[in-house]
C-alpha cells in the first residue's frame, strides 16, 4: 500500500508541476498596432516601430507580441477591431499615422493606453486635454501634415507655375483629415490664383476613376491630401500620373521614391518610431497622461527630376537648392 501510495504521489506531482510552472510564467504583453496601409508596403514602417521597442528593451516574440492590423483602407473595420482589442484588454493600442483610428480607439476605451500618430491637432480631435499634459489615456505624435497644406500647394505652384486648375483628392472615409483639407485648401489656393476641384476616393478603383475625371475635366495638376490609405497606393499613383502625364504633389517622400513628382511633409518613419518609443515607455509603466504629445519638427521637400523631365517640367535651380533631396 505504501509503495502504491508513493508511486501515486509521484505521478500526481509530475502532473501538477508542469501546470504550476506554466502558471508562474509571465504573460507576454500584446500591442495592437492598427494601420490603414497594406502589409506588403509597410515592412520598413513596422521595422521602425520594432526598433524603438528594442531600444526600450522589448523584443517581439521574446517579451512582447505585436499584433499588426493592416486595414488596407477599410476604415469601416475600425469599430469592431477596437472593440475586440478592448475586450481582450491589450496593454497598448498603437495607431501610427492613422488619424481616423485614434478617435475610434478613444471612443472604445478610457482606460487602455493609446499611442497615436495624427495629422490633426489632437486637442481638437478630443484625444488629449493639452499637448503638454494629455491628462487621459492617450498620447503620441502630431505630425502636422494638415498644417502644411498651404506650403505644399505653394511648392507645387512654384514647380508648375502654369498650372491653374488643380484637382484635390481626398479620402472621405478619413473624415477628420478630409474635412480639414476642405476647409484649408480654398484659403491656400486663393492668393495663388488657383482654381480648385475636389475629387473623392476611398478605394483603388476610385483612385483610377479620379484620374479619369481630372483628365476629362482638363485639370493641370493634382494635389493629394494626406491619407494613410493613399500612402499604401503610391505605386498606383505614380503609374497613373505617368500614364496621364499629370503633375502630382504628395505628402510623403515615399511617393516620390516610387516615381511621383514631388512631396512635402513629415518623415513617416519618424512617426512610427516615435509611436514605438512611447509604446515602450508605457509597457515599462509610464502613464499616457504624463507623456507630452510630440510635434514633428522635420519636414522634407523631395523632387524627382527624372519624373519632371518625363512630364516636360524644368525644375528651377532655386527649387533644387531648396529641396532636401533631389532624386535623379
C-alpha atoms as a PDB file:
ATOM      1  CA  UNK A   1       0.000   0.000   0.000  1.00  0.00           C
ATOM      2  CA  UNK A   2       2.711   2.411   0.955  1.00  0.00           C
ATOM      3  CA  UNK A   3       4.574   1.691  -2.297  1.00  0.00           C
ATOM      4  CA  UNK A   4       1.395   2.277  -4.356  1.00  0.00           C
ATOM      5  CA  UNK A   5       0.713   5.492  -2.476  1.00  0.00           C
ATOM      6  CA  UNK A   6       4.295   6.619  -3.053  1.00  0.00           C
ATOM      7  CA  UNK A   7       4.094   5.928  -6.799  1.00  0.00           C
ATOM      8  CA  UNK A   8       0.682   7.603  -6.996  1.00  0.00           C
ATOM      9  CA  UNK A   9       2.119  10.648  -5.236  1.00  0.00           C
ATOM     10  CA  UNK A  10       4.996  10.889  -7.691  1.00  0.00           C
ATOM     11  CA  UNK A  11       2.600  10.559 -10.641  1.00  0.00           C
ATOM     12  CA  UNK A  12       0.343  13.205  -9.179  1.00  0.00           C
ATOM     13  CA  UNK A  13       3.175  15.663  -8.590  1.00  0.00           C
ATOM     14  CA  UNK A  14       4.531  15.027 -12.087  1.00  0.00           C
ATOM     15  CA  UNK A  15       1.174  16.027 -13.468  1.00  0.00           C
ATOM     16  CA  UNK A  16       0.771  19.135 -11.338  1.00  0.00           C
ATOM     17  CA  UNK A  17       4.323  20.524 -11.529  1.00  0.00           C
ATOM     18  CA  UNK A  18       4.370  21.491 -15.237  1.00  0.00           C
ATOM     19  CA  UNK A  19       0.989  23.192 -14.836  1.00  0.00           C
ATOM     20  CA  UNK A  20       2.251  25.142 -11.861  1.00  0.00           C
ATOM     21  CA  UNK A  21       5.412  26.097 -13.747  1.00  0.00           C
ATOM     22  CA  UNK A  22       3.374  27.306 -16.697  1.00  0.00           C
ATOM     23  CA  UNK A  23       1.125  29.283 -14.400  1.00  0.00           C
ATOM     24  CA  UNK A  24       4.149  31.077 -12.966  1.00  0.00           C
ATOM     25  CA  UNK A  25       5.431  32.158 -16.395  1.00  0.00           C
ATOM     26  CA  UNK A  26       4.612  35.843 -17.052  1.00  0.00           C
ATOM     27  CA  UNK A  27       2.009  36.570 -19.708  1.00  0.00           C
ATOM     28  CA  UNK A  28       3.605  38.269 -22.709  1.00  0.00           C
ATOM     29  CA  UNK A  29       2.060  41.726 -23.305  1.00  0.00           C
ATOM     30  CA  UNK A  30       0.280  42.254 -26.636  1.00  0.00           C
ATOM     31  CA  UNK A  31       0.470  45.552 -28.503  1.00  0.00           C
ATOM     32  CA  UNK A  32      -2.290  46.126 -31.022  1.00  0.00           C
ATOM     33  CA  UNK A  33      -0.861  48.146 -33.934  1.00  0.00           C
ATOM     34  CA  UNK A  34      -3.543  49.478 -36.289  1.00  0.00           C
ATOM     35  CA  UNK A  35      -2.681  50.975 -39.680  1.00  0.00           C
ATOM     36  CA  UNK A  36      -4.699  51.946 -42.783  1.00  0.00           C
ATOM     37  CA  UNK A  37      -1.950  50.659 -45.016  1.00  0.00           C
ATOM     38  CA  UNK A  38      -1.291  47.244 -46.558  1.00  0.00           C
ATOM     39  CA  UNK A  39       1.277  44.787 -45.146  1.00  0.00           C
ATOM     40  CA  UNK A  40       3.114  44.465 -48.458  1.00  0.00           C
ATOM     41  CA  UNK A  41       4.299  48.080 -48.465  1.00  0.00           C
ATOM     42  CA  UNK A  42       4.788  48.634 -44.739  1.00  0.00           C
ATOM     43  CA  UNK A  43       7.659  46.387 -43.671  1.00  0.00           C
ATOM     44  CA  UNK A  44      10.008  49.384 -43.268  1.00  0.00           C
ATOM     45  CA  UNK A  45       7.464  51.139 -41.048  1.00  0.00           C
ATOM     46  CA  UNK A  46       6.940  48.081 -38.872  1.00  0.00           C
ATOM     47  CA  UNK A  47      10.722  47.814 -38.564  1.00  0.00           C
ATOM     48  CA  UNK A  48      10.966  51.422 -37.322  1.00  0.00           C
ATOM     49  CA  UNK A  49       8.303  50.694 -34.695  1.00  0.00           C
ATOM     50  CA  UNK A  50      10.057  47.497 -33.565  1.00  0.00           C
ATOM     51  CA  UNK A  51      13.459  49.232 -33.413  1.00  0.00           C
ATOM     52  CA  UNK A  52      12.032  51.718 -30.920  1.00  0.00           C
ATOM     53  CA  UNK A  53      10.594  48.857 -28.860  1.00  0.00           C
ATOM     54  CA  UNK A  54      14.003  47.135 -28.951  1.00  0.00           C
ATOM     55  CA  UNK A  55      15.669  50.292 -27.651  1.00  0.00           C
ATOM     56  CA  UNK A  56      13.244  50.164 -24.703  1.00  0.00           C
ATOM     57  CA  UNK A  57      14.188  46.551 -24.013  1.00  0.00           C
ATOM     58  CA  UNK A  58      11.230  44.858 -25.727  1.00  0.00           C
ATOM     59  CA  UNK A  59      11.804  42.266 -28.430  1.00  0.00           C
ATOM     60  CA  UNK A  60       8.981  40.814 -30.494  1.00  0.00           C
ATOM     61  CA  UNK A  61       8.375  37.164 -29.694  1.00  0.00           C
ATOM     62  CA  UNK A  62      10.590  37.281 -26.609  1.00  0.00           C
ATOM     63  CA  UNK A  63       8.940  39.641 -24.125  1.00  0.00           C
ATOM     64  CA  UNK A  64       6.273  41.357 -26.235  1.00  0.00           C
ATOM     65  CA  UNK A  65       3.866  40.415 -29.005  1.00  0.00           C
ATOM     66  CA  UNK A  66       2.788  42.869 -31.693  1.00  0.00           C
ATOM     67  CA  UNK A  67      -0.499  42.255 -33.480  1.00  0.00           C
ATOM     68  CA  UNK A  68      -0.394  44.046 -36.825  1.00  0.00           C
ATOM     69  CA  UNK A  69      -3.777  45.067 -38.160  1.00  0.00           C
ATOM     70  CA  UNK A  70      -3.220  46.407 -41.706  1.00  0.00           C
ATOM     71  CA  UNK A  71      -6.686  47.588 -42.770  1.00  0.00           C
ATOM     72  CA  UNK A  72      -5.799  48.356 -46.409  1.00  0.00           C
ATOM     73  CA  UNK A  73      -8.136  51.332 -46.448  1.00  0.00           C
ATOM     74  CA  UNK A  74     -11.113  49.506 -44.904  1.00  0.00           C
ATOM     75  CA  UNK A  75     -11.951  52.155 -42.318  1.00  0.00           C
ATOM     76  CA  UNK A  76     -15.336  50.523 -41.637  1.00  0.00           C
ATOM     77  CA  UNK A  77     -13.488  47.778 -39.735  1.00  0.00           C
ATOM     78  CA  UNK A  78     -12.281  50.202 -37.063  1.00  0.00           C
ATOM     79  CA  UNK A  79     -15.185  49.998 -34.549  1.00  0.00           C
ATOM     80  CA  UNK A  80     -15.223  46.188 -34.419  1.00  0.00           C
ATOM     81  CA  UNK A  81     -11.434  45.976 -34.278  1.00  0.00           C
ATOM     82  CA  UNK A  82     -11.156  48.474 -31.438  1.00  0.00           C
ATOM     83  CA  UNK A  83     -13.940  46.706 -29.545  1.00  0.00           C
ATOM     84  CA  UNK A  84     -12.047  43.418 -29.863  1.00  0.00           C
ATOM     85  CA  UNK A  85      -8.747  44.915 -28.651  1.00  0.00           C
ATOM     86  CA  UNK A  86     -10.533  46.466 -25.684  1.00  0.00           C
ATOM     87  CA  UNK A  87     -12.379  43.238 -24.882  1.00  0.00           C
ATOM     88  CA  UNK A  88      -9.055  41.404 -24.748  1.00  0.00           C
ATOM     89  CA  UNK A  89      -7.548  44.226 -22.680  1.00  0.00           C
ATOM     90  CA  UNK A  90      -4.327  44.594 -24.643  1.00  0.00           C
ATOM     91  CA  UNK A  91      -1.785  46.724 -22.739  1.00  0.00           C
ATOM     92  CA  UNK A  92      -1.376  49.284 -25.550  1.00  0.00           C
ATOM     93  CA  UNK A  93      -3.225  50.274 -28.727  1.00  0.00           C
ATOM     94  CA  UNK A  94      -0.860  51.945 -31.229  1.00  0.00           C
ATOM     95  CA  UNK A  95      -2.224  53.900 -34.211  1.00  0.00           C
ATOM     96  CA  UNK A  96       0.788  55.444 -36.005  1.00  0.00           C
ATOM     97  CA  UNK A  97      -0.053  57.764 -38.913  1.00  0.00           C
ATOM     98  CA  UNK A  98      -3.748  56.872 -38.779  1.00  0.00           C
ATOM     99  CA  UNK A  99      -5.751  59.940 -37.791  1.00  0.00           C
ATOM    100  CA  UNK A 100      -9.152  58.246 -38.040  1.00  0.00           C
ATOM    101  CA  UNK A 101      -8.117  55.353 -35.776  1.00  0.00           C
ATOM    102  CA  UNK A 102      -7.213  57.440 -32.736  1.00  0.00           C
ATOM    103  CA  UNK A 103     -10.746  58.796 -32.096  1.00  0.00           C
ATOM    104  CA  UNK A 104     -12.139  55.291 -32.715  1.00  0.00           C
ATOM    105  CA  UNK A 105      -9.801  53.893 -30.068  1.00  0.00           C
ATOM    106  CA  UNK A 106     -10.632  56.734 -27.677  1.00  0.00           C
ATOM    107  CA  UNK A 107     -14.338  56.065 -28.141  1.00  0.00           C
ATOM    108  CA  UNK A 108     -13.804  52.386 -27.333  1.00  0.00           C
ATOM    109  CA  UNK A 109     -11.830  52.832 -24.103  1.00  0.00           C
ATOM    110  CA  UNK A 110     -10.952  55.420 -21.482  1.00  0.00           C
ATOM    111  CA  UNK A 111      -8.529  53.141 -19.640  1.00  0.00           C
ATOM    112  CA  UNK A 112      -6.334  51.196 -22.082  1.00  0.00           C
ATOM    113  CA  UNK A 113      -3.329  53.321 -23.148  1.00  0.00           C
ATOM    114  CA  UNK A 114      -3.462  54.651 -26.715  1.00  0.00           C
ATOM    115  CA  UNK A 115      -0.373  55.895 -28.577  1.00  0.00           C
ATOM    116  CA  UNK A 116      -1.418  57.799 -31.688  1.00  0.00           C
ATOM    117  CA  UNK A 117       0.145  59.437 -34.715  1.00  0.00           C
ATOM    118  CA  UNK A 118      -2.274  62.038 -36.098  1.00  0.00           C
ATOM    119  CA  UNK A 119      -2.088  64.692 -38.787  1.00  0.00           C
ATOM    120  CA  UNK A 120      -4.579  66.922 -36.971  1.00  0.00           C
ATOM    121  CA  UNK A 121      -4.499  68.829 -33.696  1.00  0.00           C
ATOM    122  CA  UNK A 122      -5.117  66.085 -31.076  1.00  0.00           C
ATOM    123  CA  UNK A 123      -6.784  68.617 -28.771  1.00  0.00           C
ATOM    124  CA  UNK A 124      -9.381  69.446 -31.433  1.00  0.00           C
ATOM    125  CA  UNK A 125      -9.852  65.727 -32.048  1.00  0.00           C
ATOM    126  CA  UNK A 126     -10.682  65.307 -28.354  1.00  0.00           C
ATOM    127  CA  UNK A 127      -7.778  62.937 -27.754  1.00  0.00           C
ATOM    128  CA  UNK A 128      -5.939  64.988 -25.119  1.00  0.00           C
ATOM    129  CA  UNK A 129      -6.618  67.923 -22.802  1.00  0.00           C
ATOM    130  CA  UNK A 130      -3.451  69.690 -23.949  1.00  0.00           C
ATOM    131  CA  UNK A 131      -0.219  68.852 -25.748  1.00  0.00           C
ATOM    132  CA  UNK A 132       1.930  69.340 -22.657  1.00  0.00           C
ATOM    133  CA  UNK A 133      -0.406  67.479 -20.308  1.00  0.00           C
ATOM    134  CA  UNK A 134      -2.580  64.949 -22.164  1.00  0.00           C
ATOM    135  CA  UNK A 135      -4.399  64.083 -18.963  1.00  0.00           C
ATOM    136  CA  UNK A 136      -6.112  60.887 -20.126  1.00  0.00           C
ATOM    137  CA  UNK A 137      -5.306  57.502 -21.628  1.00  0.00           C
ATOM    138  CA  UNK A 138      -3.898  58.792 -24.942  1.00  0.00           C
ATOM    139  CA  UNK A 139      -0.719  60.470 -26.143  1.00  0.00           C
ATOM    140  CA  UNK A 140       1.536  60.308 -29.186  1.00  0.00           C
ATOM    141  CA  UNK A 141       2.790  62.458 -32.039  1.00  0.00           C
ATOM    142  CA  UNK A 142       1.145  65.186 -34.087  1.00  0.00           C
ATOM    143  CA  UNK A 143       2.918  65.177 -37.444  1.00  0.00           C
ATOM    144  CA  UNK A 144       1.204  68.328 -38.723  1.00  0.00           C
ATOM    145  CA  UNK A 145       0.533  67.078 -42.272  1.00  0.00           C
ATOM    146  CA  UNK A 146      -2.649  69.118 -42.481  1.00  0.00           C
ATOM    147  CA  UNK A 147      -0.992  72.358 -41.374  1.00  0.00           C
ATOM    148  CA  UNK A 148       1.418  72.025 -44.309  1.00  0.00           C
ATOM    149  CA  UNK A 149      -1.318  72.302 -46.948  1.00  0.00           C
ATOM    150  CA  UNK A 150      -0.514  75.886 -47.957  1.00  0.00           C
ATOM    151  CA  UNK A 151       3.229  75.225 -48.117  1.00  0.00           C
ATOM    152  CA  UNK A 152       2.796  72.095 -50.256  1.00  0.00           C
ATOM    153  CA  UNK A 153       0.383  73.827 -52.629  1.00  0.00           C
ATOM    154  CA  UNK A 154       2.791  76.759 -52.941  1.00  0.00           C
ATOM    155  CA  UNK A 155       5.668  74.446 -53.841  1.00  0.00           C
ATOM    156  CA  UNK A 156       3.518  72.770 -56.495  1.00  0.00           C
ATOM    157  CA  UNK A 157       2.725  76.214 -57.904  1.00  0.00           C
ATOM    158  CA  UNK A 158       6.433  77.098 -57.960  1.00  0.00           C
ATOM    159  CA  UNK A 159       7.278  73.859 -59.734  1.00  0.00           C
ATOM    160  CA  UNK A 160       4.430  74.062 -62.257  1.00  0.00           C
ATOM    161  CA  UNK A 161       3.615  77.803 -62.461  1.00  0.00           C
ATOM    162  CA  UNK A 162       1.348  77.419 -65.496  1.00  0.00           C
ATOM    163  CA  UNK A 163      -0.956  75.009 -63.632  1.00  0.00           C
ATOM    164  CA  UNK A 164      -4.105  76.896 -62.688  1.00  0.00           C
ATOM    165  CA  UNK A 165      -6.797  74.216 -62.444  1.00  0.00           C
ATOM    166  CA  UNK A 166      -5.820  71.987 -59.520  1.00  0.00           C
ATOM    167  CA  UNK A 167      -7.686  68.798 -58.631  1.00  0.00           C
ATOM    168  CA  UNK A 168      -7.553  67.950 -54.924  1.00  0.00           C
ATOM    169  CA  UNK A 169      -8.010  64.302 -53.969  1.00  0.00           C
ATOM    170  CA  UNK A 170      -9.384  63.456 -50.518  1.00  0.00           C
ATOM    171  CA  UNK A 171     -10.489  60.241 -48.848  1.00  0.00           C
ATOM    172  CA  UNK A 172     -13.967  60.816 -47.367  1.00  0.00           C
ATOM    173  CA  UNK A 173     -13.552  57.665 -45.244  1.00  0.00           C
ATOM    174  CA  UNK A 174     -10.898  59.555 -43.290  1.00  0.00           C
ATOM    175  CA  UNK A 175     -13.353  62.181 -42.112  1.00  0.00           C
ATOM    176  CA  UNK A 176     -11.166  64.422 -39.878  1.00  0.00           C
ATOM    177  CA  UNK A 177      -8.439  64.848 -42.492  1.00  0.00           C
ATOM    178  CA  UNK A 178     -10.880  65.243 -45.373  1.00  0.00           C
ATOM    179  CA  UNK A 179     -12.887  67.912 -43.545  1.00  0.00           C
ATOM    180  CA  UNK A 180      -9.803  69.925 -42.607  1.00  0.00           C
ATOM    181  CA  UNK A 181      -8.467  69.765 -46.160  1.00  0.00           C
ATOM    182  CA  UNK A 182     -11.795  71.023 -47.486  1.00  0.00           C
ATOM    183  CA  UNK A 183     -11.564  73.951 -45.076  1.00  0.00           C
ATOM    184  CA  UNK A 184      -7.917  74.822 -45.694  1.00  0.00           C
ATOM    185  CA  UNK A 185      -7.426  74.306 -49.418  1.00  0.00           C
ATOM    186  CA  UNK A 186      -9.575  77.233 -50.685  1.00  0.00           C
ATOM    187  CA  UNK A 187      -7.737  79.651 -48.403  1.00  0.00           C
ATOM    188  CA  UNK A 188      -4.375  78.313 -49.571  1.00  0.00           C
ATOM    189  CA  UNK A 189      -5.379  78.471 -53.249  1.00  0.00           C
ATOM    190  CA  UNK A 190      -6.857  81.974 -53.263  1.00  0.00           C
ATOM    191  CA  UNK A 191      -3.650  84.057 -53.057  1.00  0.00           C
ATOM    192  CA  UNK A 192      -2.061  81.866 -55.729  1.00  0.00           C
ATOM    193  CA  UNK A 193      -4.963  82.407 -58.132  1.00  0.00           C
ATOM    194  CA  UNK A 194      -5.675  78.678 -58.370  1.00  0.00           C
ATOM    195  CA  UNK A 195      -8.995  77.037 -59.232  1.00  0.00           C
ATOM    196  CA  UNK A 196      -9.795  74.004 -57.094  1.00  0.00           C
ATOM    197  CA  UNK A 197     -11.772  70.886 -57.996  1.00  0.00           C
ATOM    198  CA  UNK A 198     -12.436  68.349 -55.221  1.00  0.00           C
ATOM    199  CA  UNK A 199     -12.320  64.631 -56.035  1.00  0.00           C
ATOM    200  CA  UNK A 200     -13.050  61.713 -53.699  1.00  0.00           C
ATOM    201  CA  UNK A 201     -11.505  58.246 -53.488  1.00  0.00           C
ATOM    202  CA  UNK A 202     -11.612  55.534 -50.823  1.00  0.00           C
ATOM    203  CA  UNK A 203     -10.642  52.505 -52.943  1.00  0.00           C
ATOM    204  CA  UNK A 204      -8.169  51.641 -55.678  1.00  0.00           C
ATOM    205  CA  UNK A 205     -10.908  51.750 -58.301  1.00  0.00           C
ATOM    206  CA  UNK A 206     -11.993  55.180 -57.104  1.00  0.00           C
ATOM    207  CA  UNK A 207      -8.407  56.427 -57.422  1.00  0.00           C
ATOM    208  CA  UNK A 208      -8.461  55.299 -61.071  1.00  0.00           C
ATOM    209  CA  UNK A 209     -11.828  56.990 -61.545  1.00  0.00           C
ATOM    210  CA  UNK A 210     -10.496  60.209 -60.009  1.00  0.00           C
ATOM    211  CA  UNK A 211      -7.643  60.314 -62.523  1.00  0.00           C
ATOM    212  CA  UNK A 212     -10.084  59.712 -65.360  1.00  0.00           C
ATOM    213  CA  UNK A 213     -12.216  62.606 -64.106  1.00  0.00           C
ATOM    214  CA  UNK A 214      -9.362  65.079 -63.747  1.00  0.00           C
ATOM    215  CA  UNK A 215      -8.096  64.219 -67.235  1.00  0.00           C
ATOM    216  CA  UNK A 216     -11.608  64.615 -68.674  1.00  0.00           C
ATOM    217  CA  UNK A 217     -12.012  67.956 -66.902  1.00  0.00           C
ATOM    218  CA  UNK A 218      -8.562  69.099 -68.057  1.00  0.00           C
ATOM    219  CA  UNK A 219      -7.068  69.696 -64.620  1.00  0.00           C
ATOM    220  CA  UNK A 220      -3.480  70.962 -64.844  1.00  0.00           C
ATOM    221  CA  UNK A 221      -2.214  69.153 -61.732  1.00  0.00           C
ATOM    222  CA  UNK A 222      -3.275  67.015 -58.801  1.00  0.00           C
ATOM    223  CA  UNK A 223      -2.840  67.699 -55.084  1.00  0.00           C
ATOM    224  CA  UNK A 224      -3.180  64.555 -52.942  1.00  0.00           C
ATOM    225  CA  UNK A 225      -4.415  65.194 -49.396  1.00  0.00           C
ATOM    226  CA  UNK A 226      -2.734  63.313 -46.522  1.00  0.00           C
ATOM    227  CA  UNK A 227      -4.208  59.853 -46.011  1.00  0.00           C
ATOM    228  CA  UNK A 228      -2.790  56.532 -44.835  1.00  0.00           C
ATOM    229  CA  UNK A 229      -4.610  54.521 -47.488  1.00  0.00           C
ATOM    230  CA  UNK A 230      -3.273  56.769 -50.239  1.00  0.00           C
ATOM    231  CA  UNK A 231       0.206  56.115 -48.822  1.00  0.00           C
ATOM    232  CA  UNK A 232      -0.235  52.410 -49.464  1.00  0.00           C
ATOM    233  CA  UNK A 233      -1.193  53.064 -53.112  1.00  0.00           C
ATOM    234  CA  UNK A 234       1.827  55.136 -54.080  1.00  0.00           C
ATOM    235  CA  UNK A 235       2.871  52.851 -56.967  1.00  0.00           C
ATOM    236  CA  UNK A 236      -0.633  53.086 -58.389  1.00  0.00           C
ATOM    237  CA  UNK A 237      -0.477  56.885 -58.126  1.00  0.00           C
ATOM    238  CA  UNK A 238       2.906  57.049 -59.844  1.00  0.00           C
ATOM    239  CA  UNK A 239       1.733  54.745 -62.637  1.00  0.00           C
ATOM    240  CA  UNK A 240      -1.485  56.669 -63.275  1.00  0.00           C
ATOM    241  CA  UNK A 241       0.258  60.049 -63.108  1.00  0.00           C
ATOM    242  CA  UNK A 242       2.876  58.922 -65.637  1.00  0.00           C
ATOM    243  CA  UNK A 243       0.254  57.398 -67.939  1.00  0.00           C
ATOM    244  CA  UNK A 244      -1.900  60.536 -67.935  1.00  0.00           C
ATOM    245  CA  UNK A 245       1.095  62.906 -67.750  1.00  0.00           C
ATOM    246  CA  UNK A 246      -0.264  64.704 -64.682  1.00  0.00           C
ATOM    247  CA  UNK A 247       1.991  66.613 -62.232  1.00  0.00           C
ATOM    248  CA  UNK A 248       1.108  65.493 -58.697  1.00  0.00           C
ATOM    249  CA  UNK A 249       2.040  66.902 -55.277  1.00  0.00           C
ATOM    250  CA  UNK A 250       2.162  64.341 -52.471  1.00  0.00           C
ATOM    251  CA  UNK A 251       2.561  64.463 -48.694  1.00  0.00           C
ATOM    252  CA  UNK A 252       5.253  61.784 -48.196  1.00  0.00           C
ATOM    253  CA  UNK A 253       8.644  61.149 -49.780  1.00  0.00           C
ATOM    254  CA  UNK A 254       7.642  57.505 -50.378  1.00  0.00           C
ATOM    255  CA  UNK A 255       5.510  58.658 -53.316  1.00  0.00           C
ATOM    256  CA  UNK A 256       8.473  60.408 -54.934  1.00  0.00           C
ATOM    257  CA  UNK A 257      10.710  57.394 -54.385  1.00  0.00           C
ATOM    258  CA  UNK A 258       8.065  55.369 -56.240  1.00  0.00           C
ATOM    259  CA  UNK A 259       8.196  57.753 -59.201  1.00  0.00           C
ATOM    260  CA  UNK A 260       5.999  60.648 -58.095  1.00  0.00           C
ATOM    261  CA  UNK A 261       6.909  64.233 -58.977  1.00  0.00           C
ATOM    262  CA  UNK A 262       7.246  65.988 -55.604  1.00  0.00           C
ATOM    263  CA  UNK A 263       6.341  65.799 -51.952  1.00  0.00           C
ATOM    264  CA  UNK A 264       6.440  67.972 -48.876  1.00  0.00           C
ATOM    265  CA  UNK A 265       5.624  66.595 -45.475  1.00  0.00           C
ATOM    266  CA  UNK A 266       6.801  64.792 -42.357  1.00  0.00           C
ATOM    267  CA  UNK A 267       9.079  61.777 -42.180  1.00  0.00           C
ATOM    268  CA  UNK A 268       6.672  58.840 -41.773  1.00  0.00           C
ATOM    269  CA  UNK A 269       9.411  56.563 -40.429  1.00  0.00           C
ATOM    270  CA  UNK A 270       9.929  59.023 -37.596  1.00  0.00           C
ATOM    271  CA  UNK A 271       6.198  58.911 -36.811  1.00  0.00           C
ATOM    272  CA  UNK A 272       6.273  55.119 -36.438  1.00  0.00           C
ATOM    273  CA  UNK A 273       9.495  55.331 -34.435  1.00  0.00           C
ATOM    274  CA  UNK A 274       8.047  57.885 -32.003  1.00  0.00           C
ATOM    275  CA  UNK A 275       4.889  55.820 -31.505  1.00  0.00           C
ATOM    276  CA  UNK A 276       7.201  52.883 -30.756  1.00  0.00           C
ATOM    277  CA  UNK A 277       9.164  54.970 -28.242  1.00  0.00           C
ATOM    278  CA  UNK A 278       6.056  55.880 -26.252  1.00  0.00           C
ATOM    279  CA  UNK A 279       4.696  52.327 -26.524  1.00  0.00           C
ATOM    280  CA  UNK A 280       7.904  51.051 -24.941  1.00  0.00           C
ATOM    281  CA  UNK A 281       7.717  53.608 -22.146  1.00  0.00           C
ATOM    282  CA  UNK A 282       4.114  52.687 -21.377  1.00  0.00           C
ATOM    283  CA  UNK A 283       4.970  48.979 -21.296  1.00  0.00           C
ATOM    284  CA  UNK A 284       7.574  49.916 -18.676  1.00  0.00           C
ATOM    285  CA  UNK A 285       4.920  51.595 -16.561  1.00  0.00           C
ATOM    286  CA  UNK A 286       4.661  55.189 -17.791  1.00  0.00           C
ATOM    287  CA  UNK A 287       1.178  56.722 -17.994  1.00  0.00           C
ATOM    288  CA  UNK A 288      -0.048  58.405 -21.207  1.00  0.00           C
ATOM    289  CA  UNK A 289      -1.333  61.321 -19.108  1.00  0.00           C
ATOM    290  CA  UNK A 290       2.264  62.144 -18.155  1.00  0.00           C
ATOM    291  CA  UNK A 291       3.807  61.853 -21.646  1.00  0.00           C
ATOM    292  CA  UNK A 292       3.517  65.134 -23.598  1.00  0.00           C
ATOM    293  CA  UNK A 293       2.387  64.974 -27.210  1.00  0.00           C
ATOM    294  CA  UNK A 294       5.367  65.282 -29.551  1.00  0.00           C
ATOM    295  CA  UNK A 295       5.114  67.538 -32.605  1.00  0.00           C
ATOM    296  CA  UNK A 296       7.065  66.865 -35.786  1.00  0.00           C
ATOM    297  CA  UNK A 297       9.838  69.362 -36.414  1.00  0.00           C
ATOM    298  CA  UNK A 298      11.427  67.831 -39.509  1.00  0.00           C
ATOM    299  CA  UNK A 299       9.690  68.185 -42.869  1.00  0.00           C
ATOM    300  CA  UNK A 300      11.039  67.023 -46.203  1.00  0.00           C
ATOM    301  CA  UNK A 301      10.767  68.555 -49.647  1.00  0.00           C
ATOM    302  CA  UNK A 302      11.657  65.931 -52.244  1.00  0.00           C
ATOM    303  CA  UNK A 303      11.676  66.272 -56.052  1.00  0.00           C
ATOM    304  CA  UNK A 304      12.035  63.540 -58.665  1.00  0.00           C
ATOM    305  CA  UNK A 305      13.884  65.241 -61.521  1.00  0.00           C
ATOM    306  CA  UNK A 306      13.560  62.243 -63.815  1.00  0.00           C
ATOM    307  CA  UNK A 307       9.769  62.339 -63.474  1.00  0.00           C
ATOM    308  CA  UNK A 308       9.827  66.089 -64.083  1.00  0.00           C
ATOM    309  CA  UNK A 309      11.695  65.533 -67.355  1.00  0.00           C
ATOM    310  CA  UNK A 310       9.174  62.922 -68.486  1.00  0.00           C
ATOM    311  CA  UNK A 311       6.417  65.456 -67.811  1.00  0.00           C
ATOM    312  CA  UNK A 312       8.285  68.182 -69.675  1.00  0.00           C
ATOM    313  CA  UNK A 313       8.825  70.196 -66.494  1.00  0.00           C
ATOM    314  CA  UNK A 314      12.060  72.104 -65.974  1.00  0.00           C
ATOM    315  CA  UNK A 315      12.864  72.255 -62.270  1.00  0.00           C
ATOM    316  CA  UNK A 316      14.252  75.709 -61.356  1.00  0.00           C
ATOM    317  CA  UNK A 317      17.670  75.705 -59.694  1.00  0.00           C
ATOM    318  CA  UNK A 318      16.216  77.608 -56.756  1.00  0.00           C
ATOM    319  CA  UNK A 319      13.780  74.754 -56.056  1.00  0.00           C
ATOM    320  CA  UNK A 320      16.506  72.140 -56.394  1.00  0.00           C
ATOM    321  CA  UNK A 321      18.579  74.023 -53.840  1.00  0.00           C
ATOM    322  CA  UNK A 322      15.564  74.304 -51.549  1.00  0.00           C
ATOM    323  CA  UNK A 323      14.798  70.577 -51.746  1.00  0.00           C
ATOM    324  CA  UNK A 324      16.007  68.218 -49.021  1.00  0.00           C
ATOM    325  CA  UNK A 325      16.580  65.602 -51.699  1.00  0.00           C
ATOM    326  CA  UNK A 326      16.575  65.590 -55.490  1.00  0.00           C
ATOM    327  CA  UNK A 327      16.051  62.152 -56.997  1.00  0.00           C
ATOM    328  CA  UNK A 328      17.738  61.774 -60.377  1.00  0.00           C
END
